[in-house]
């Protein structure tokens, strides 16, 4: 083989850097699981003091703390004690923070733990239903999406929709499809007590978790839980139908969209939240969001879609593709109304 030494060295350096990052994520996930960041939020601590706060092994903590400080995830003071800066705390310790990323480490860990099932999908028909994935994914994704929903849903996304806020305030009927643990629905139910909500999901375990969260938030009387697919739920007309990071996971998206057209009220809206993506492969090169989302598409989203039908879009679906699917399945308008670095928010209307 003719080897280009500079390209070889660059690729080796890139992969080595990413391996350092992978070990860093494993270490961060350990800190999340053991409550180490939350314990450091209480104030600076030596390894011994942190061990006492958390009931963990002091000697192992010495190594963990040294690595975390080298990575810049925690701060070491001149007296040798460790602490979290305000910024580090927002990212690693405060789950309500819009910058919190601890949940994503749980998603990665659960994906690795479920690798045998994913390997089997790669060597067969490609299908692996969401409910058959490693159970750690369900809480992990809820903890990953929750901070973004809490930061953006009520303040940016709903206000961007045509007349939806006023309907919700007056009392609307809402269906959330692929609701998972219903974090978004619970937020809306708390903000708009006159409205009533249906959380639809195929995974019974997530619906059971949703029921507990709704009860804890005091909104259980406003939320109906329904075990059904996106193509089969009924109960319309709804003033608002929502898909929070779920539509691309569904195996027959055209049937799902057509059902949404049947179930939404004549003057209602459908809100679709999807991962950020490029409009084509040539635009994806160097795009951070695409590099982040394609691996999860291969191992989580696309297998889930294949388990539900013949069409698997993956999680990197261009705006134009979504517009085409909505236009040919009962909707006359489809537009992007909001975005974050990692999300796109669309509104479709009949």
Protein backbone atom coordinates (compact mmCIF):
# COMPACT_ATOMS: atom_id res chain seq x y z
CA UNK A 1 0.00 0.00 0.00
CA UNK A 2 1.04 3.56 -0.65
CA UNK A 3 0.71 5.35 2.68
CA UNK A 4 0.46 9.11 3.01
CA UNK A 5 2.30 9.67 6.28
CA UNK A 6 0.72 13.04 7.04
CA UNK A 7 -2.79 11.68 6.52
CA UNK A 8 -1.98 8.62 8.61
CA UNK A 9 -0.62 10.73 11.45
CA UNK A 10 -3.59 13.11 11.31
CA UNK A 11 -6.10 10.25 11.44
CA UNK A 12 -4.22 8.55 14.27
CA UNK A 13 -4.09 11.81 16.23
CA UNK A 14 -7.82 12.38 15.67
CA UNK A 15 -8.79 8.92 16.85
CA UNK A 16 -6.44 9.11 19.84
CA UNK A 17 -8.03 12.42 20.81
CA UNK A 18 -11.49 10.92 20.56
CA UNK A 19 -10.40 7.93 22.66
CA UNK A 20 -9.29 10.37 25.35
CA UNK A 21 -12.72 11.95 25.12
CA UNK A 22 -14.42 8.55 25.31
CA UNK A 23 -12.59 7.69 28.52
CA UNK A 24 -13.54 11.14 29.78
CA UNK A 25 -17.23 10.44 29.15
CA UNK A 26 -16.97 7.12 30.99
CA UNK A 27 -15.41 8.98 33.91
CA UNK A 28 -18.08 11.69 33.83
CA UNK A 29 -20.80 9.05 33.80
CA UNK A 30 -19.21 7.48 36.89
CA UNK A 31 -19.39 10.87 38.59
CA UNK A 32 -23.06 11.25 37.61
CA UNK A 33 -23.97 7.74 38.83
CA UNK A 34 -22.17 8.14 42.14
CA UNK A 35 -23.49 11.64 42.82
CA UNK A 36 -19.98 13.08 42.96
CA UNK A 37 -20.74 16.31 41.14
CA UNK A 38 -23.79 17.01 43.27
CA UNK A 39 -21.68 16.37 46.38
CA UNK A 40 -19.03 18.82 45.18
CA UNK A 41 -21.79 21.39 44.67
CA UNK A 42 -22.08 21.50 48.45
CA UNK A 43 -18.59 22.99 48.64
CA UNK A 44 -14.88 22.25 48.12
CA UNK A 45 -13.64 18.87 49.32
CA UNK A 46 -10.53 16.77 49.51
CA UNK A 47 -10.71 13.17 48.33
CA UNK A 48 -11.29 12.09 51.91
CA UNK A 49 -14.03 14.63 52.49
CA UNK A 50 -15.75 13.73 49.24
CA UNK A 51 -15.52 10.03 50.13
CA UNK A 52 -17.21 10.78 53.44
CA UNK A 53 -19.98 12.78 51.74
CA UNK A 54 -20.74 10.10 49.17
CA UNK A 55 -19.83 6.81 50.83
CA UNK A 56 -17.29 6.03 48.14
CA UNK A 57 -13.68 4.76 48.23
CA UNK A 58 -11.13 7.49 48.96
CA UNK A 59 -8.28 5.91 47.03
CA UNK A 60 -10.35 5.50 43.88
CA UNK A 61 -11.63 9.04 44.27
CA UNK A 62 -8.05 10.34 44.29
CA UNK A 63 -7.56 8.96 40.77
CA UNK A 64 -10.97 10.11 39.57
CA UNK A 65 -10.46 13.63 40.90
CA UNK A 66 -7.00 13.91 39.33
CA UNK A 67 -8.36 12.90 35.93
CA UNK A 68 -11.37 15.18 36.17
CA UNK A 69 -9.22 18.17 37.06
CA UNK A 70 -6.83 17.44 34.17
CA UNK A 71 -9.82 17.37 31.82
CA UNK A 72 -11.10 20.68 33.18
CA UNK A 73 -14.37 19.22 34.44
CA UNK A 74 -13.62 20.16 38.04
CA UNK A 75 -11.31 22.74 39.62
CA UNK A 76 -8.49 22.10 42.08
CA UNK A 77 -7.72 24.86 44.58
CA UNK A 78 -4.20 25.78 45.81
CA UNK A 79 -4.91 23.89 49.06
CA UNK A 80 -5.47 20.68 47.06
CA UNK A 81 -9.23 20.57 47.58
CA UNK A 82 -11.59 20.18 44.65
CA UNK A 83 -14.65 22.22 43.71
CA UNK A 84 -17.01 23.02 40.86
CA UNK A 85 -17.03 26.43 39.23
CA UNK A 86 -20.44 27.89 38.49
CA UNK A 87 -20.08 26.82 34.85
CA UNK A 88 -18.97 23.28 35.72
CA UNK A 89 -21.90 22.99 38.09
CA UNK A 90 -24.37 24.02 35.38
CA UNK A 91 -23.06 21.38 32.98
CA UNK A 92 -22.52 18.49 35.39
CA UNK A 93 -24.52 18.92 38.59
CA UNK A 94 -27.74 20.89 37.97
CA UNK A 95 -30.20 18.72 36.05
CA UNK A 96 -32.60 21.65 35.60
CA UNK A 97 -29.89 23.66 33.82
CA UNK A 98 -30.27 24.03 30.04
CA UNK A 99 -26.54 23.27 29.80
CA UNK A 100 -26.74 19.99 31.73
CA UNK A 101 -25.11 17.09 29.83
CA UNK A 102 -25.04 14.35 32.43
CA UNK A 103 -28.01 12.62 30.82
CA UNK A 104 -26.15 12.13 27.55
CA UNK A 105 -23.43 10.15 29.34
CA UNK A 106 -26.19 7.81 30.50
CA UNK A 107 -27.36 7.40 26.89
CA UNK A 108 -23.85 6.50 25.75
CA UNK A 109 -23.34 4.05 28.59
CA UNK A 110 -26.66 2.34 27.88
CA UNK A 111 -25.82 2.10 24.18
CA UNK A 112 -22.56 0.34 24.98
CA UNK A 113 -24.30 -1.96 27.46
CA UNK A 114 -26.80 -2.91 24.75
CA UNK A 115 -24.13 -3.55 22.14
CA UNK A 116 -24.91 -7.26 21.75
CA UNK A 117 -28.48 -6.46 20.72
CA UNK A 118 -27.27 -3.76 18.33
CA UNK A 119 -24.70 -6.15 16.84
CA UNK A 120 -27.47 -8.70 16.27
CA UNK A 121 -29.52 -6.06 14.42
CA UNK A 122 -26.56 -5.24 12.16
CA UNK A 123 -26.24 -8.92 11.25
CA UNK A 124 -29.95 -9.48 10.60
CA UNK A 125 -32.76 -7.31 9.25
CA UNK A 126 -31.54 -4.19 11.06
CA UNK A 127 -34.53 -3.93 13.36
CA UNK A 128 -34.36 -3.37 17.12
CA UNK A 129 -37.45 -1.90 18.73
CA UNK A 130 -37.07 0.92 21.22
CA UNK A 131 -38.51 -1.19 24.03
CA UNK A 132 -35.91 -3.90 23.41
CA UNK A 133 -32.96 -1.54 23.78
CA UNK A 134 -30.99 -1.36 27.03
CA UNK A 135 -33.37 0.01 29.71
CA UNK A 136 -30.87 2.69 30.73
CA UNK A 137 -31.70 4.55 27.52
CA UNK A 138 -35.18 5.51 28.67
CA UNK A 139 -34.07 7.54 31.68
CA UNK A 140 -30.96 8.73 29.83
CA UNK A 141 -32.85 10.26 26.96
CA UNK A 142 -35.40 11.82 29.28
CA UNK A 143 -32.60 13.43 31.30
CA UNK A 144 -30.92 14.56 28.05
CA UNK A 145 -33.96 16.15 26.43
CA UNK A 146 -35.51 17.49 29.64
CA UNK A 147 -33.14 20.47 30.10
CA UNK A 148 -33.71 21.63 26.52
CA UNK A 149 -37.47 21.30 26.80
CA UNK A 150 -37.50 23.18 30.11
CA UNK A 151 -35.39 25.97 28.62
CA UNK A 152 -37.10 26.35 25.23
CA UNK A 153 -40.58 24.83 25.04
CA UNK A 154 -42.59 27.44 26.93
CA UNK A 155 -40.42 30.46 26.18
CA UNK A 156 -39.50 29.96 22.50
CA UNK A 157 -41.08 27.01 20.74
CA UNK A 158 -44.76 27.32 21.63
CA UNK A 159 -44.75 31.12 21.12
CA UNK A 160 -43.42 30.53 17.58
CA UNK A 161 -46.53 28.54 16.59
CA UNK A 162 -49.56 30.22 15.04
CA UNK A 163 -52.01 31.12 17.81
CA UNK A 164 -51.22 28.02 19.86
CA UNK A 165 -50.40 29.77 23.14
CA UNK A 166 -53.77 31.48 23.33
CA UNK A 167 -55.57 28.20 22.60
CA UNK A 168 -53.62 26.43 25.34
CA UNK A 169 -54.38 29.19 27.81
CA UNK A 170 -58.10 29.06 26.99
CA UNK A 171 -58.25 25.26 27.09
CA UNK A 172 -57.04 23.09 24.22
CA UNK A 173 -56.81 19.37 23.48
CA UNK A 174 -53.24 18.20 22.87
CA UNK A 175 -51.77 14.84 21.84
CA UNK A 176 -48.04 14.13 22.18
CA UNK A 177 -46.93 11.21 20.02
CA UNK A 178 -43.94 9.13 21.07
CA UNK A 179 -44.18 10.87 24.42
CA UNK A 180 -41.67 8.70 26.28
CA UNK A 181 -41.73 9.72 29.94
CA UNK A 182 -43.89 12.73 29.00
CA UNK A 183 -41.55 15.43 30.26
CA UNK A 184 -42.73 17.89 27.60
CA UNK A 185 -46.40 17.11 28.23
CA UNK A 186 -45.93 17.55 31.97
CA UNK A 187 -44.36 20.98 31.40
CA UNK A 188 -47.28 22.06 29.21
CA UNK A 189 -49.88 20.67 31.60
CA UNK A 190 -48.35 22.62 34.48
CA UNK A 191 -48.25 25.85 32.46
CA UNK A 192 -51.73 25.55 30.91
CA UNK A 193 -54.13 24.10 33.51
CA UNK A 194 -57.21 24.64 31.32
CA UNK A 195 -55.88 22.30 28.62
CA UNK A 196 -56.03 18.52 28.50
CA UNK A 197 -53.31 16.24 27.16
CA UNK A 198 -52.91 12.73 25.79
CA UNK A 199 -49.43 11.16 25.95
CA UNK A 200 -49.13 8.38 23.36
CA UNK A 201 -46.28 5.86 23.37
CA UNK A 202 -45.71 2.22 22.47
CA UNK A 203 -43.37 1.58 25.41
CA UNK A 204 -45.39 0.75 28.51
CA UNK A 205 -42.45 1.22 30.85
CA UNK A 206 -42.03 4.83 29.74
CA UNK A 207 -45.74 5.48 30.23
CA UNK A 208 -45.50 4.11 33.76
CA UNK A 209 -42.62 6.49 34.47
CA UNK A 210 -44.67 9.29 32.90
CA UNK A 211 -47.55 8.59 35.27
CA UNK A 212 -45.25 8.94 38.28
CA UNK A 213 -43.78 12.20 37.01
CA UNK A 214 -47.19 13.66 36.24
CA UNK A 215 -48.39 12.74 39.73
CA UNK A 216 -45.30 14.29 41.33
CA UNK A 217 -45.92 17.50 39.36
CA UNK A 218 -49.57 17.58 40.40
CA UNK A 219 -50.91 17.37 36.84
CA UNK A 220 -51.98 13.72 36.58
CA UNK A 221 -55.63 14.74 36.25
CA UNK A 222 -54.81 16.63 33.03
CA UNK A 223 -52.83 13.89 31.28
CA UNK A 224 -54.24 10.72 29.76
CA UNK A 225 -51.71 7.99 28.94
CA UNK A 226 -52.32 5.84 25.86
CA UNK A 227 -50.32 2.81 24.72
CA UNK A 228 -50.53 3.11 20.93
CA UNK A 229 -48.49 3.74 17.81
CA UNK A 230 -48.30 7.01 15.93
CA UNK A 231 -50.30 5.52 13.07
CA UNK A 232 -53.12 4.14 15.23
CA UNK A 233 -54.05 6.54 18.05
CA UNK A 234 -57.37 8.34 17.79
CA UNK A 235 -59.44 10.70 19.88
CA UNK A 236 -59.23 13.78 17.68
CA UNK A 237 -59.76 16.50 16.80
CA UNK A 238 -56.78 17.94 18.68
CA UNK A 239 -55.83 21.59 18.67
CA UNK A 240 -52.16 20.64 18.86
CA UNK A 241 -50.31 17.42 18.06
CA UNK A 242 -46.65 17.24 19.01
CA UNK A 243 -43.69 15.02 18.15
CA UNK A 244 -40.71 15.64 20.42
CA UNK A 245 -37.65 13.95 18.88
CA UNK A 246 -39.80 10.96 17.99
CA UNK A 247 -41.11 11.11 14.42
CA UNK A 248 -37.85 9.97 12.80
CA UNK A 249 -37.91 6.86 15.06
CA UNK A 250 -41.22 5.67 13.61
CA UNK A 251 -41.15 2.98 10.96
CA UNK A 252 -43.94 4.22 8.72
CA UNK A 253 -43.69 8.02 8.91
CA UNK A 254 -46.14 8.64 6.09
CA UNK A 255 -48.88 6.70 7.90
CA UNK A 256 -48.05 8.59 11.09
CA UNK A 257 -48.23 11.95 9.32
CA UNK A 258 -51.48 10.99 7.56
CA UNK A 259 -52.99 10.00 10.89
CA UNK A 260 -51.91 13.35 12.36
CA UNK A 261 -53.75 15.04 9.47
CA UNK A 262 -56.88 13.08 10.37
CA UNK A 263 -56.62 13.78 14.09
CA UNK A 264 -55.68 17.48 14.12
CA UNK A 265 -58.44 20.09 14.12
CA UNK A 266 -59.09 22.06 10.94
CA UNK A 267 -57.38 25.13 12.44
CA UNK A 268 -54.94 23.13 14.58
CA UNK A 269 -51.18 22.75 14.43
CA UNK A 270 -48.67 19.93 14.44
CA UNK A 271 -45.33 20.70 16.09
CA UNK A 272 -42.35 18.54 15.17
CA UNK A 273 -39.06 18.75 17.06
CA UNK A 274 -36.19 17.05 15.24
CA UNK A 275 -32.39 16.96 15.57
CA UNK A 276 -30.42 19.61 13.75
CA UNK A 277 -28.95 18.40 10.47
CA UNK A 278 -27.39 19.50 7.22
CA UNK A 279 -29.47 19.71 4.07
CA UNK A 280 -27.18 17.27 2.26
CA UNK A 281 -24.07 15.11 2.72
CA UNK A 282 -21.81 17.81 1.32
CA UNK A 283 -23.04 20.23 4.01
CA UNK A 284 -22.57 17.70 6.82
CA UNK A 285 -18.77 17.66 6.58
CA UNK A 286 -17.41 19.35 9.66
CA UNK A 287 -20.89 19.94 11.11
CA UNK A 288 -20.75 19.22 14.83
CA UNK A 289 -24.41 18.22 15.18
CA UNK A 290 -24.16 15.73 12.31
CA UNK A 291 -21.09 14.09 13.86
CA UNK A 292 -22.95 13.87 17.15
CA UNK A 293 -26.19 12.44 15.77
CA UNK A 294 -25.15 9.99 13.02
CA UNK A 295 -23.76 7.34 15.44
CA UNK A 296 -26.98 7.36 17.48
CA UNK A 297 -28.94 7.15 14.23
CA UNK A 298 -27.10 3.97 13.24
CA UNK A 299 -27.44 2.25 16.61
CA UNK A 300 -30.70 3.57 18.07
CA UNK A 301 -33.02 5.55 15.79
CA UNK A 302 -32.79 3.62 12.53
CA UNK A 303 -33.10 0.15 14.15
CA UNK A 304 -36.18 1.40 16.00
CA UNK A 305 -37.75 2.60 12.76
CA UNK A 306 -36.97 -0.68 10.98
CA UNK A 307 -38.70 -2.54 13.79
CA UNK A 308 -41.85 -0.52 13.13
CA UNK A 309 -42.03 -0.58 9.35
CA UNK A 310 -40.25 -0.59 6.02
CA UNK A 311 -39.15 3.06 6.03
CA UNK A 312 -36.24 4.17 8.20
CA UNK A 313 -35.40 7.84 7.81
CA UNK A 314 -32.65 8.04 10.44
CA UNK A 315 -32.30 11.13 12.59
CA UNK A 316 -30.62 13.32 9.94
CA UNK A 317 -33.66 14.22 7.84
CA UNK A 318 -33.39 17.45 5.83
CA UNK A 319 -36.10 20.10 6.05
CA UNK A 320 -37.02 19.52 2.41
CA UNK A 321 -37.71 15.83 3.04
CA UNK A 322 -39.99 16.56 5.97
CA UNK A 323 -41.82 19.23 3.96
CA UNK A 324 -42.39 16.79 1.10
CA UNK A 325 -43.74 14.07 3.42
CA UNK A 326 -46.14 16.46 5.16
CA UNK A 327 -47.35 18.06 1.94
CA UNK A 328 -48.25 14.75 0.34
CA UNK A 329 -49.98 13.40 3.47
CA UNK A 330 -52.64 15.97 4.22
CA UNK A 331 -50.89 19.26 5.10
CA UNK A 332 -50.78 22.46 3.07
CA UNK A 333 -48.07 24.28 5.02
CA UNK A 334 -44.84 23.19 6.69
CA UNK A 335 -42.23 25.58 8.02
CA UNK A 336 -39.31 25.78 10.43
CA UNK A 337 -40.32 28.14 13.23
CA UNK A 338 -37.45 27.84 15.74
CA UNK A 339 -34.10 26.20 16.29
CA UNK A 340 -31.26 25.63 18.72
CA UNK A 341 -27.74 24.41 17.89
CA UNK A 342 -29.09 20.85 18.22
CA UNK A 343 -32.81 21.12 17.41
CA UNK A 344 -35.14 22.18 14.64
CA UNK A 345 -38.79 23.00 15.39
CA UNK A 346 -41.42 22.81 12.64
CA UNK A 347 -45.09 23.69 12.40
CA UNK A 348 -47.42 21.92 9.99
CA UNK A 349 -50.99 23.00 9.30
CA UNK A 350 -53.80 21.62 7.17
